[in-house]
Amino acid sequence: MTVKQVADYLQMESHTIYKLARVGEIPSFKISGRWRFKRDLIDEWFREKSLERTKSD
């Protein structure tokens, strides 16, 4: 997935996805200087983040 696709999928702004990728917060990798994301890893990351938030509330 591209940054735009992930942003649309997660209903976030593209600049937020870039920031998360740069700091290693979201699972990502670069191909020819462009960020790419695997949907299954994004889904897993989202589930984990949701569980962390639920536990801390």
PDB file of N, CA and C in Angstrom:
ATOM      1  N   MET A   1       0.839  -1.172   0.000  1.00  0.00           N
ATOM      2  CA  MET A   1       0.000   0.000   0.000  1.00  0.00           C
ATOM      3  C   MET A   1       0.891   1.245   0.000  1.00  0.00           C
ATOM      4  N   THR A   2       0.371   2.314  -0.564  1.00  0.00           N
ATOM      5  CA  THR A   2       1.078   3.589  -0.567  1.00  0.00           C
ATOM      6  C   THR A   2       0.670   4.402   0.659  1.00  0.00           C
ATOM      7  N   VAL A   3       1.345   5.523   0.865  1.00  0.00           N
ATOM      8  CA  VAL A   3       0.993   6.412   1.965  1.00  0.00           C
ATOM      9  C   VAL A   3      -0.456   6.860   1.831  1.00  0.00           C
ATOM     10  N   LYS A   4      -0.862   7.260   0.647  1.00  0.00           N
ATOM     11  CA  LYS A   4      -2.234   7.718   0.437  1.00  0.00           C
ATOM     12  C   LYS A   4      -3.241   6.608   0.727  1.00  0.00           C
ATOM     13  N   GLN A   5      -2.954   5.404   0.274  1.00  0.00           N
ATOM     14  CA  GLN A   5      -3.865   4.289   0.523  1.00  0.00           C
ATOM     15  C   GLN A   5      -3.997   4.002   2.020  1.00  0.00           C
ATOM     16  N   VAL A   6      -2.881   4.028   2.736  1.00  0.00           N
ATOM     17  CA  VAL A   6      -2.914   3.791   4.184  1.00  0.00           C
ATOM     18  C   VAL A   6      -3.669   4.927   4.879  1.00  0.00           C
ATOM     19  N   ALA A   7      -3.417   6.156   4.468  1.00  0.00           N
ATOM     20  CA  ALA A   7      -4.111   7.296   5.062  1.00  0.00           C
ATOM     21  C   ALA A   7      -5.621   7.172   4.858  1.00  0.00           C
ATOM     22  N   ASP A   8      -6.030   6.823   3.665  1.00  0.00           N
ATOM     23  CA  ASP A   8      -7.458   6.638   3.390  1.00  0.00           C
ATOM     24  C   ASP A   8      -8.017   5.473   4.210  1.00  0.00           C
ATOM     25  N   TYR A   9      -7.278   4.388   4.242  1.00  0.00           N
ATOM     26  CA  TYR A   9      -7.712   3.182   4.960  1.00  0.00           C
ATOM     27  C   TYR A   9      -7.903   3.452   6.450  1.00  0.00           C
ATOM     28  N   LEU A  10      -6.971   4.208   7.051  1.00  0.00           N
ATOM     29  CA  LEU A  10      -7.028   4.493   8.485  1.00  0.00           C
ATOM     30  C   LEU A  10      -7.754   5.796   8.798  1.00  0.00           C
ATOM     31  N   GLN A  11      -8.208   6.475   7.768  1.00  0.00           N
ATOM     32  CA  GLN A  11      -8.884   7.766   7.900  1.00  0.00           C
ATOM     33  C   GLN A  11      -8.013   8.756   8.672  1.00  0.00           C
ATOM     34  N   MET A  12      -6.780   8.893   8.185  1.00  0.00           N
ATOM     35  CA  MET A  12      -5.801   9.814   8.757  1.00  0.00           C
ATOM     36  C   MET A  12      -5.251  10.675   7.629  1.00  0.00           C
ATOM     37  N   GLU A  13      -4.547  11.723   7.990  1.00  0.00           N
ATOM     38  CA  GLU A  13      -3.893  12.577   6.998  1.00  0.00           C
ATOM     39  C   GLU A  13      -2.590  11.920   6.528  1.00  0.00           C
ATOM     40  N   SER A  14      -2.234  12.151   5.278  1.00  0.00           N
ATOM     41  CA  SER A  14      -0.995  11.585   4.715  1.00  0.00           C
ATOM     42  C   SER A  14       0.227  12.018   5.503  1.00  0.00           C
ATOM     43  N   HIS A  15       0.277  13.292   5.923  1.00  0.00           N
ATOM     44  CA  HIS A  15       1.458  13.770   6.650  1.00  0.00           C
ATOM     45  C   HIS A  15       1.628  13.022   7.970  1.00  0.00           C
ATOM     46  N   THR A  16       0.535  12.575   8.575  1.00  0.00           N
ATOM     47  CA  THR A  16       0.616  11.788   9.810  1.00  0.00           C
ATOM     48  C   THR A  16       1.223  10.419   9.524  1.00  0.00           C
ATOM     49  N   ILE A  17       0.831   9.808   8.414  1.00  0.00           N
ATOM     50  CA  ILE A  17       1.392   8.501   8.038  1.00  0.00           C
ATOM     51  C   ILE A  17       2.891   8.626   7.770  1.00  0.00           C
ATOM     52  N   TYR A  18       3.302   9.692   7.065  1.00  0.00           N
ATOM     53  CA  TYR A  18       4.734   9.922   6.832  1.00  0.00           C
ATOM     54  C   TYR A  18       5.479  10.038   8.161  1.00  0.00           C
ATOM     55  N   LYS A  19       4.937  10.803   9.079  1.00  0.00           N
ATOM     56  CA  LYS A  19       5.587  11.000  10.378  1.00  0.00           C
ATOM     57  C   LYS A  19       5.707   9.681  11.129  1.00  0.00           C
ATOM     58  N   LEU A  20       4.632   8.909  11.179  1.00  0.00           N
ATOM     59  CA  LEU A  20       4.657   7.614  11.861  1.00  0.00           C
ATOM     60  C   LEU A  20       5.683   6.670  11.237  1.00  0.00           C
ATOM     61  N   ALA A  21       5.779   6.691   9.919  1.00  0.00           N
ATOM     62  CA  ALA A  21       6.752   5.838   9.218  1.00  0.00           C
ATOM     63  C   ALA A  21       8.181   6.281   9.527  1.00  0.00           C
ATOM     64  N   ARG A  22       8.423   7.586   9.485  1.00  0.00           N
ATOM     65  CA  ARG A  22       9.782   8.103   9.742  1.00  0.00           C
ATOM     66  C   ARG A  22      10.296   7.734  11.111  1.00  0.00           C
ATOM     67  N   VAL A  23       9.428   7.762  12.121  1.00  0.00           N
ATOM     68  CA  VAL A  23       9.876   7.462  13.485  1.00  0.00           C
ATOM     69  C   VAL A  23       9.753   5.982  13.837  1.00  0.00           C
ATOM     70  N   GLY A  24       9.282   5.172  12.893  1.00  0.00           N
ATOM     71  CA  GLY A  24       9.204   3.731  13.110  1.00  0.00           C
ATOM     72  C   GLY A  24       8.004   3.300  13.929  1.00  0.00           C
ATOM     73  N   GLU A  25       7.002   4.157  14.032  1.00  0.00           N
ATOM     74  CA  GLU A  25       5.812   3.855  14.829  1.00  0.00           C
ATOM     75  C   GLU A  25       4.857   2.916  14.102  1.00  0.00           C
ATOM     76  N   ILE A  26       4.836   2.979  12.778  1.00  0.00           N
ATOM     77  CA  ILE A  26       3.938   2.155  11.970  1.00  0.00           C
ATOM     78  C   ILE A  26       4.798   1.226  11.102  1.00  0.00           C
ATOM     79  N   PRO A  27       4.406  -0.033  10.936  1.00  0.00           N
ATOM     80  CA  PRO A  27       5.229  -0.954  10.132  1.00  0.00           C
ATOM     81  C   PRO A  27       5.282  -0.494   8.675  1.00  0.00           C
ATOM     82  N   SER A  28       6.490  -0.263   8.198  1.00  0.00           N
ATOM     83  CA  SER A  28       6.665   0.259   6.839  1.00  0.00           C
ATOM     84  C   SER A  28       8.067  -0.050   6.341  1.00  0.00           C
ATOM     85  N   PHE A  29       8.259   0.160   5.058  1.00  0.00           N
ATOM     86  CA  PHE A  29       9.576  -0.004   4.451  1.00  0.00           C
ATOM     87  C   PHE A  29       9.634   0.895   3.229  1.00  0.00           C
ATOM     88  N   LYS A  30      10.845   1.148   2.758  1.00  0.00           N
ATOM     89  CA  LYS A  30      11.015   2.012   1.586  1.00  0.00           C
ATOM     90  C   LYS A  30      11.457   1.184   0.390  1.00  0.00           C
ATOM     91  N   ILE A  31      10.861   1.488  -0.745  1.00  0.00           N
ATOM     92  CA  ILE A  31      11.271   0.919  -2.031  1.00  0.00           C
ATOM     93  C   ILE A  31      11.535   2.093  -2.956  1.00  0.00           C
ATOM     94  N   SER A  32      12.761   2.192  -3.445  1.00  0.00           N
ATOM     95  CA  SER A  32      13.159   3.302  -4.324  1.00  0.00           C
ATOM     96  C   SER A  32      12.798   4.652  -3.718  1.00  0.00           C
ATOM     97  N   GLY A  33      12.986   4.789  -2.410  1.00  0.00           N
ATOM     98  CA  GLY A  33      12.757   6.055  -1.736  1.00  0.00           C
ATOM     99  C   GLY A  33      11.308   6.372  -1.417  1.00  0.00           C
ATOM    100  N   ARG A  34      10.406   5.425  -1.667  1.00  0.00           N
ATOM    101  CA  ARG A  34       8.989   5.648  -1.387  1.00  0.00           C
ATOM    102  C   ARG A  34       8.518   4.677  -0.311  1.00  0.00           C
ATOM    103  N   TRP A  35       7.728   5.199   0.627  1.00  0.00           N
ATOM    104  CA  TRP A  35       7.208   4.367   1.704  1.00  0.00           C
ATOM    105  C   TRP A  35       6.168   3.396   1.172  1.00  0.00           C
ATOM    106  N   ARG A  36       6.242   2.151   1.675  1.00  0.00           N
ATOM    107  CA  ARG A  36       5.264   1.120   1.336  1.00  0.00           C
ATOM    108  C   ARG A  36       4.849   0.420   2.624  1.00  0.00           C
ATOM    109  N   PHE A  37       3.649  -0.138   2.591  1.00  0.00           N
ATOM    110  CA  PHE A  37       3.049  -0.756   3.770  1.00  0.00           C
ATOM    111  C   PHE A  37       2.336  -2.031   3.348  1.00  0.00           C
ATOM    112  N   LYS A  38       2.397  -3.055   4.190  1.00  0.00           N
ATOM    113  CA  LYS A  38       1.657  -4.295   3.940  1.00  0.00           C
ATOM    114  C   LYS A  38       0.363  -4.237   4.753  1.00  0.00           C
ATOM    115  N   ARG A  39      -0.760  -4.466   4.077  1.00  0.00           N
ATOM    116  CA  ARG A  39      -2.065  -4.332   4.725  1.00  0.00           C
ATOM    117  C   ARG A  39      -2.189  -5.226   5.958  1.00  0.00           C
ATOM    118  N   ASP A  40      -1.707  -6.461   5.889  1.00  0.00           N
ATOM    119  CA  ASP A  40      -1.843  -7.350   7.048  1.00  0.00           C
ATOM    120  C   ASP A  40      -1.062  -6.826   8.250  1.00  0.00           C
ATOM    121  N   LEU A  41       0.099  -6.207   8.014  1.00  0.00           N
ATOM    122  CA  LEU A  41       0.872  -5.635   9.116  1.00  0.00           C
ATOM    123  C   LEU A  41       0.202  -4.379   9.669  1.00  0.00           C
ATOM    124  N   ILE A  42      -0.426  -3.604   8.797  1.00  0.00           N
ATOM    125  CA  ILE A  42      -1.164  -2.419   9.239  1.00  0.00           C
ATOM    126  C   ILE A  42      -2.350  -2.850  10.097  1.00  0.00           C
ATOM    127  N   ASP A  43      -3.062  -3.877   9.655  1.00  0.00           N
ATOM    128  CA  ASP A  43      -4.200  -4.387  10.427  1.00  0.00           C
ATOM    129  C   ASP A  43      -3.757  -4.865  11.810  1.00  0.00           C
ATOM    130  N   GLU A  44      -2.658  -5.597  11.855  1.00  0.00           N
ATOM    131  CA  GLU A  44      -2.138  -6.109  13.130  1.00  0.00           C
ATOM    132  C   GLU A  44      -1.706  -4.949  14.035  1.00  0.00           C
ATOM    133  N   TRP A  45      -0.997  -3.969  13.474  1.00  0.00           N
ATOM    134  CA  TRP A  45      -0.558  -2.794  14.220  1.00  0.00           C
ATOM    135  C   TRP A  45      -1.766  -2.043  14.797  1.00  0.00           C
ATOM    136  N   PHE A  46      -2.795  -1.882  13.979  1.00  0.00           N
ATOM    137  CA  PHE A  46      -3.998  -1.173  14.414  1.00  0.00           C
ATOM    138  C   PHE A  46      -4.689  -1.915  15.564  1.00  0.00           C
ATOM    139  N   ARG A  47      -4.790  -3.240  15.443  1.00  0.00           N
ATOM    140  CA  ARG A  47      -5.387  -4.040  16.517  1.00  0.00           C
ATOM    141  C   ARG A  47      -4.598  -3.888  17.818  1.00  0.00           C
ATOM    142  N   GLU A  48      -3.279  -3.959  17.721  1.00  0.00           N
ATOM    143  CA  GLU A  48      -2.432  -3.832  18.912  1.00  0.00           C
ATOM    144  C   GLU A  48      -2.594  -2.459  19.553  1.00  0.00           C
ATOM    145  N   LYS A  49      -2.617  -1.421  18.739  1.00  0.00           N
ATOM    146  CA  LYS A  49      -2.787  -0.061  19.263  1.00  0.00           C
ATOM    147  C   LYS A  49      -4.147   0.097  19.911  1.00  0.00           C
ATOM    148  N   SER A  50      -5.165  -0.514  19.325  1.00  0.00           N
ATOM    149  CA  SER A  50      -6.512  -0.449  19.890  1.00  0.00           C
ATOM    150  C   SER A  50      -6.559  -1.149  21.244  1.00  0.00           C
ATOM    151  N   LEU A  51      -5.885  -2.286  21.354  1.00  0.00           N
ATOM    152  CA  LEU A  51      -5.848  -3.018  22.621  1.00  0.00           C
ATOM    153  C   LEU A  51      -5.084  -2.260  23.691  1.00  0.00           C
ATOM    154  N   GLU A  52      -3.973  -1.622  23.292  1.00  0.00           N
ATOM    155  CA  GLU A  52      -3.193  -0.820  24.248  1.00  0.00           C
ATOM    156  C   GLU A  52      -4.053   0.297  24.813  1.00  0.00           C
ATOM    157  N   ARG A  53      -4.799   0.937  23.971  1.00  0.00           N
ATOM    158  CA  ARG A  53      -5.651   2.050  24.395  1.00  0.00           C
ATOM    159  C   ARG A  53      -6.754   1.553  25.321  1.00  0.00           C
ATOM    160  N   THR A  54      -7.318   0.401  24.992  1.00  0.00           N
ATOM    161  CA  THR A  54      -8.384  -0.172  25.818  1.00  0.00           C
ATOM    162  C   THR A  54      -7.854  -0.516  27.214  1.00  0.00           C
ATOM    163  N   LYS A  55      -6.650  -1.068  27.270  1.00  0.00           N
ATOM    164  CA  LYS A  55      -6.057  -1.452  28.554  1.00  0.00           C
ATOM    165  C   LYS A  55      -5.719  -0.242  29.415  1.00  0.00           C
ATOM    166  N   SER A  56      -5.335   0.869  28.772  1.00  0.00           N
ATOM    167  CA  SER A  56      -4.918   2.053  29.533  1.00  0.00           C
ATOM    168  C   SER A  56      -6.107   2.907  29.969  1.00  0.00           C
ATOM    169  N   ASP A  57      -7.280   2.678  29.407  1.00  0.00           N
ATOM    170  CA  ASP A  57      -8.467   3.479  29.761  1.00  0.00           C
ATOM    171  C   ASP A  57      -9.125   3.017  31.038  1.00  0.00           C
TER     172      ASP A  57
END
